[in-house]
Structure formats: C-alpha cells, structure tokens
C-alpha cells in the first residue's frame, strides 16, 4: 500500500505541535521512510532539533527534543483541511 507522504508529514507536525513523539511504527513505515519525511520537514524549516545518527548501516532518529517552528505552525494552519484525513492515519488509533 502506498503512503501519502503529505498526510504523514502533516500528522508528524501535528503530533510534535501537541508535544507527542510520533514513531515510524505509528504509520506502518520503515525506519528509512520515516527518517526521510522527518528530514524533509527539517530541511523545509518546519521543525528543528531532529537528530539523525548514521551507524553501521543503521539510521537512528531522535526527535524527543524536536519542535515545530512558526513556519511549521503556518503550514498546519494553511493545510487545516488535511486535519480531516489526519484522524485515523496512525495505526491503532
């Protein structure tokens, strides 16, 4: 099943803005897929303080201290219609 990366990105931003820490398993994503989405959010300036560590063929992502920037909050506001599709996106919720 293909994932809608925009919806996942929105969900990650929303979760972080609510001071919740999303995990790749919440979305049924591989570590690599989740890391790429988080890196894209950080590259766009929507979040800060996400730390990626590359070990022996392994990516570790630390977002415990990550936070949503004003640009990220504006993205959430501008795309609030995605909130309707966000509900139920996370597995098991």
N, C-alpha and C. Protein backbone atom coordinates (compact mmCIF):
# COMPACT_ATOMS: atom_id res chain seq x y z
N UNK A 1 0.84 -1.17 0.00
CA UNK A 1 0.00 0.00 0.00
C UNK A 1 0.90 1.25 0.00
N UNK A 2 0.62 2.16 -0.88
CA UNK A 2 1.39 3.40 -0.97
C UNK A 2 0.94 4.35 0.14
N UNK A 3 1.91 5.07 0.68
CA UNK A 3 1.58 6.03 1.72
C UNK A 3 1.48 7.42 1.12
N UNK A 4 0.63 8.22 1.70
CA UNK A 4 0.52 9.62 1.29
C UNK A 4 1.47 10.40 2.18
N UNK A 5 2.64 10.73 1.65
CA UNK A 5 3.68 11.37 2.44
C UNK A 5 3.25 12.73 2.98
N UNK A 6 2.42 13.46 2.25
CA UNK A 6 1.95 14.75 2.73
C UNK A 6 1.10 14.57 3.98
N UNK A 7 0.23 13.58 3.98
CA UNK A 7 -0.60 13.32 5.16
C UNK A 7 0.26 12.88 6.34
N UNK A 8 1.27 12.05 6.08
CA UNK A 8 2.16 11.62 7.16
C UNK A 8 2.94 12.82 7.69
N UNK A 9 3.45 13.66 6.80
CA UNK A 9 4.20 14.85 7.22
C UNK A 9 3.30 15.75 8.07
N UNK A 10 2.08 15.95 7.64
CA UNK A 10 1.12 16.75 8.41
C UNK A 10 0.90 16.14 9.78
N UNK A 11 0.73 14.83 9.82
CA UNK A 11 0.49 14.13 11.07
C UNK A 11 1.68 14.27 12.01
N UNK A 12 2.89 14.13 11.49
CA UNK A 12 4.10 14.27 12.31
C UNK A 12 4.16 15.68 12.88
N UNK A 13 3.92 16.69 12.04
CA UNK A 13 3.92 18.07 12.52
C UNK A 13 2.86 18.27 13.61
N UNK A 14 1.69 17.75 13.37
CA UNK A 14 0.61 17.90 14.34
C UNK A 14 0.98 17.23 15.66
N UNK A 15 1.50 16.02 15.60
CA UNK A 15 1.89 15.30 16.81
C UNK A 15 2.95 16.09 17.58
N UNK A 16 3.97 16.58 16.88
CA UNK A 16 5.02 17.35 17.55
C UNK A 16 4.47 18.64 18.15
N UNK A 17 3.52 19.28 17.45
CA UNK A 17 2.94 20.52 17.98
C UNK A 17 2.13 20.25 19.25
N UNK A 18 1.66 19.02 19.40
CA UNK A 18 0.90 18.62 20.59
C UNK A 18 1.83 18.01 21.65
N UNK A 19 3.14 18.12 21.42
CA UNK A 19 4.17 17.59 22.31
C UNK A 19 4.09 16.09 22.47
N UNK A 20 3.68 15.43 21.40
CA UNK A 20 3.68 13.97 21.32
C UNK A 20 4.83 13.57 20.41
N UNK A 21 5.40 12.41 20.63
CA UNK A 21 6.54 11.97 19.83
C UNK A 21 6.09 10.84 18.91
N UNK A 22 5.90 11.13 17.63
CA UNK A 22 5.48 10.10 16.69
C UNK A 22 6.62 9.13 16.40
N UNK A 23 6.26 7.91 16.06
CA UNK A 23 7.22 6.86 15.73
C UNK A 23 6.84 6.26 14.37
N UNK A 24 7.83 5.69 13.70
CA UNK A 24 7.58 5.10 12.39
C UNK A 24 6.53 4.00 12.46
N UNK A 25 6.51 3.25 13.54
CA UNK A 25 5.52 2.17 13.66
C UNK A 25 4.10 2.70 13.75
N UNK A 26 3.94 3.96 14.18
CA UNK A 26 2.61 4.57 14.24
C UNK A 26 1.97 4.63 12.85
N UNK A 27 2.81 4.70 11.83
CA UNK A 27 2.34 4.87 10.45
C UNK A 27 2.59 3.65 9.58
N UNK A 28 3.18 2.62 10.15
CA UNK A 28 3.50 1.43 9.37
C UNK A 28 4.61 1.68 8.36
N UNK A 29 5.51 2.61 8.69
CA UNK A 29 6.62 2.97 7.80
C UNK A 29 7.90 2.26 8.21
N UNK A 30 8.80 2.13 7.26
CA UNK A 30 10.14 1.65 7.60
C UNK A 30 10.89 2.80 8.26
N UNK A 31 11.97 2.46 8.94
CA UNK A 31 12.81 3.50 9.56
C UNK A 31 13.25 4.51 8.52
N UNK A 32 13.68 4.03 7.37
CA UNK A 32 14.20 4.89 6.31
C UNK A 32 13.12 5.84 5.79
N UNK A 33 11.91 5.34 5.56
CA UNK A 33 10.82 6.19 5.08
C UNK A 33 10.52 7.30 6.09
N UNK A 34 10.45 6.92 7.36
CA UNK A 34 10.14 7.89 8.41
C UNK A 34 11.24 8.95 8.51
N UNK A 35 12.49 8.51 8.49
CA UNK A 35 13.62 9.44 8.57
C UNK A 35 13.59 10.42 7.41
N UNK A 36 13.30 9.95 6.20
CA UNK A 36 13.26 10.83 5.04
C UNK A 36 12.19 11.90 5.18
N UNK A 37 11.03 11.54 5.69
CA UNK A 37 9.96 12.52 5.87
C UNK A 37 10.36 13.54 6.93
N UNK A 38 10.92 13.07 8.04
CA UNK A 38 11.34 13.99 9.10
C UNK A 38 12.45 14.92 8.60
N UNK A 39 13.40 14.38 7.84
CA UNK A 39 14.47 15.22 7.28
C UNK A 39 13.91 16.27 6.33
N UNK A 40 12.94 15.89 5.52
CA UNK A 40 12.31 16.85 4.62
C UNK A 40 11.63 17.98 5.42
N UNK A 41 10.94 17.61 6.50
CA UNK A 41 10.31 18.63 7.34
C UNK A 41 11.35 19.57 7.94
N UNK A 42 12.47 19.01 8.34
CA UNK A 42 13.52 19.84 8.91
C UNK A 42 14.19 20.71 7.84
N UNK A 43 14.43 20.13 6.67
CA UNK A 43 15.03 20.89 5.57
C UNK A 43 14.16 22.07 5.14
N UNK A 44 12.86 21.89 5.22
CA UNK A 44 11.93 22.97 4.86
C UNK A 44 11.79 24.01 5.98
N UNK A 45 12.37 23.72 7.14
CA UNK A 45 12.30 24.65 8.25
C UNK A 45 11.03 24.52 9.08
N UNK A 46 10.28 23.42 8.90
CA UNK A 46 9.04 23.23 9.64
C UNK A 46 9.28 22.69 11.05
N UNK A 47 10.41 22.00 11.24
CA UNK A 47 10.78 21.52 12.57
C UNK A 47 12.26 21.80 12.79
N UNK A 48 12.66 21.76 14.05
CA UNK A 48 14.07 21.92 14.44
C UNK A 48 14.41 20.86 15.47
N UNK A 49 15.70 20.58 15.59
CA UNK A 49 16.27 19.69 16.60
C UNK A 49 16.01 18.20 16.39
N UNK A 50 15.64 17.80 15.19
CA UNK A 50 15.61 16.36 14.89
C UNK A 50 17.05 15.96 14.60
N UNK A 51 17.51 14.89 15.24
CA UNK A 51 18.91 14.47 15.09
C UNK A 51 18.94 13.09 14.45
N UNK A 52 19.73 13.01 13.39
CA UNK A 52 19.92 11.74 12.69
C UNK A 52 21.32 11.24 12.97
N UNK A 53 21.41 9.98 13.35
CA UNK A 53 22.71 9.36 13.60
C UNK A 53 22.85 8.17 12.67
N UNK A 54 23.93 8.13 11.92
CA UNK A 54 24.17 7.03 11.00
C UNK A 54 25.21 6.11 11.60
N UNK A 55 24.80 4.88 11.89
CA UNK A 55 25.71 3.89 12.46
C UNK A 55 26.06 2.86 11.40
N UNK A 56 26.37 1.67 11.84
CA UNK A 56 26.69 0.57 10.93
C UNK A 56 25.45 0.18 10.14
N UNK A 57 25.31 0.78 8.95
CA UNK A 57 24.16 0.52 8.08
C UNK A 57 22.83 0.72 8.79
N UNK A 58 22.79 1.63 9.73
CA UNK A 58 21.59 1.86 10.52
C UNK A 58 21.38 3.36 10.71
N UNK A 59 20.14 3.77 10.58
CA UNK A 59 19.77 5.16 10.83
C UNK A 59 19.04 5.24 12.17
N UNK A 60 19.48 6.13 13.01
CA UNK A 60 18.77 6.38 14.26
C UNK A 60 18.26 7.80 14.23
N UNK A 61 17.01 7.97 14.58
CA UNK A 61 16.37 9.28 14.58
C UNK A 61 15.97 9.62 16.00
N UNK A 62 16.36 10.80 16.43
CA UNK A 62 16.00 11.28 17.76
C UNK A 62 15.17 12.55 17.58
N UNK A 63 13.89 12.47 17.95
CA UNK A 63 13.04 13.65 17.82
C UNK A 63 12.42 14.05 19.16
N UNK A 64 12.98 13.51 20.24
CA UNK A 64 12.45 13.84 21.57
C UNK A 64 12.51 15.33 21.86
N UNK A 65 13.53 16.01 21.32
CA UNK A 65 13.70 17.44 21.55
C UNK A 65 13.26 18.28 20.35
N UNK A 66 12.70 17.63 19.34
CA UNK A 66 12.26 18.36 18.14
C UNK A 66 11.04 19.21 18.47
N UNK A 67 10.95 20.33 17.77
CA UNK A 67 9.79 21.20 17.95
C UNK A 67 9.39 21.80 16.61
N UNK A 68 8.14 22.23 16.55
CA UNK A 68 7.58 22.81 15.33
C UNK A 68 7.89 24.30 15.33
N UNK A 69 8.41 24.79 14.21
CA UNK A 69 8.74 26.20 14.07
C UNK A 69 7.48 27.00 13.70
N UNK A 70 7.62 28.31 13.65
CA UNK A 70 6.50 29.15 13.21
C UNK A 70 6.09 28.81 11.78
N UNK A 71 7.08 28.51 10.92
CA UNK A 71 6.74 28.10 9.55
C UNK A 71 5.96 26.79 9.55
N UNK A 72 6.32 25.88 10.44
CA UNK A 72 5.59 24.62 10.57
C UNK A 72 4.17 24.84 11.05
N UNK A 73 4.01 25.73 12.02
CA UNK A 73 2.67 26.05 12.50
C UNK A 73 1.83 26.70 11.40
N UNK A 74 2.48 27.54 10.59
CA UNK A 74 1.77 28.16 9.47
C UNK A 74 1.34 27.10 8.46
N UNK A 75 2.21 26.12 8.20
CA UNK A 75 1.86 25.01 7.31
C UNK A 75 0.65 24.27 7.84
N UNK A 76 0.65 23.98 9.14
CA UNK A 76 -0.51 23.30 9.74
C UNK A 76 -1.78 24.13 9.56
N UNK A 77 -1.66 25.43 9.80
CA UNK A 77 -2.82 26.31 9.66
C UNK A 77 -3.30 26.36 8.21
N UNK A 78 -2.37 26.55 7.28
CA UNK A 78 -2.72 26.68 5.87
C UNK A 78 -3.31 25.40 5.29
N UNK A 79 -2.98 24.28 5.88
CA UNK A 79 -3.44 22.99 5.37
C UNK A 79 -4.38 22.31 6.35
N UNK A 80 -5.15 23.10 7.05
CA UNK A 80 -6.03 22.54 8.09
C UNK A 80 -7.06 21.57 7.52
N UNK A 81 -7.33 21.64 6.23
CA UNK A 81 -8.27 20.67 5.65
C UNK A 81 -7.71 19.25 5.71
N UNK A 82 -6.37 19.14 5.81
CA UNK A 82 -5.78 17.81 5.96
C UNK A 82 -6.12 17.19 7.31
N UNK A 83 -6.54 18.01 8.28
CA UNK A 83 -6.88 17.50 9.60
C UNK A 83 -7.98 16.44 9.49
N UNK A 84 -8.88 16.61 8.54
CA UNK A 84 -9.95 15.64 8.36
C UNK A 84 -9.41 14.27 7.98
N UNK A 85 -8.36 14.25 7.16
CA UNK A 85 -7.80 12.97 6.75
C UNK A 85 -6.73 12.49 7.72
N UNK A 86 -6.25 13.38 8.57
CA UNK A 86 -5.25 13.01 9.57
C UNK A 86 -5.83 12.04 10.58
N UNK A 87 -7.05 12.29 11.02
CA UNK A 87 -7.65 11.42 12.03
C UNK A 87 -7.73 10.00 11.49
N UNK A 88 -7.20 9.07 12.25
CA UNK A 88 -7.21 7.68 11.84
C UNK A 88 -6.03 7.28 10.99
N UNK A 89 -5.13 8.22 10.70
CA UNK A 89 -3.96 7.89 9.88
C UNK A 89 -3.01 6.99 10.63
N UNK A 90 -2.78 7.27 11.91
CA UNK A 90 -1.87 6.47 12.70
C UNK A 90 -2.48 5.10 12.95
N UNK A 91 -1.67 4.07 12.81
CA UNK A 91 -2.14 2.70 13.04
C UNK A 91 -2.54 2.53 14.50
N UNK A 92 -3.62 1.85 14.72
CA UNK A 92 -4.04 1.56 16.08
C UNK A 92 -4.72 2.70 16.80
N UNK A 93 -4.97 3.81 16.09
CA UNK A 93 -5.64 4.95 16.74
C UNK A 93 -7.06 5.04 16.23
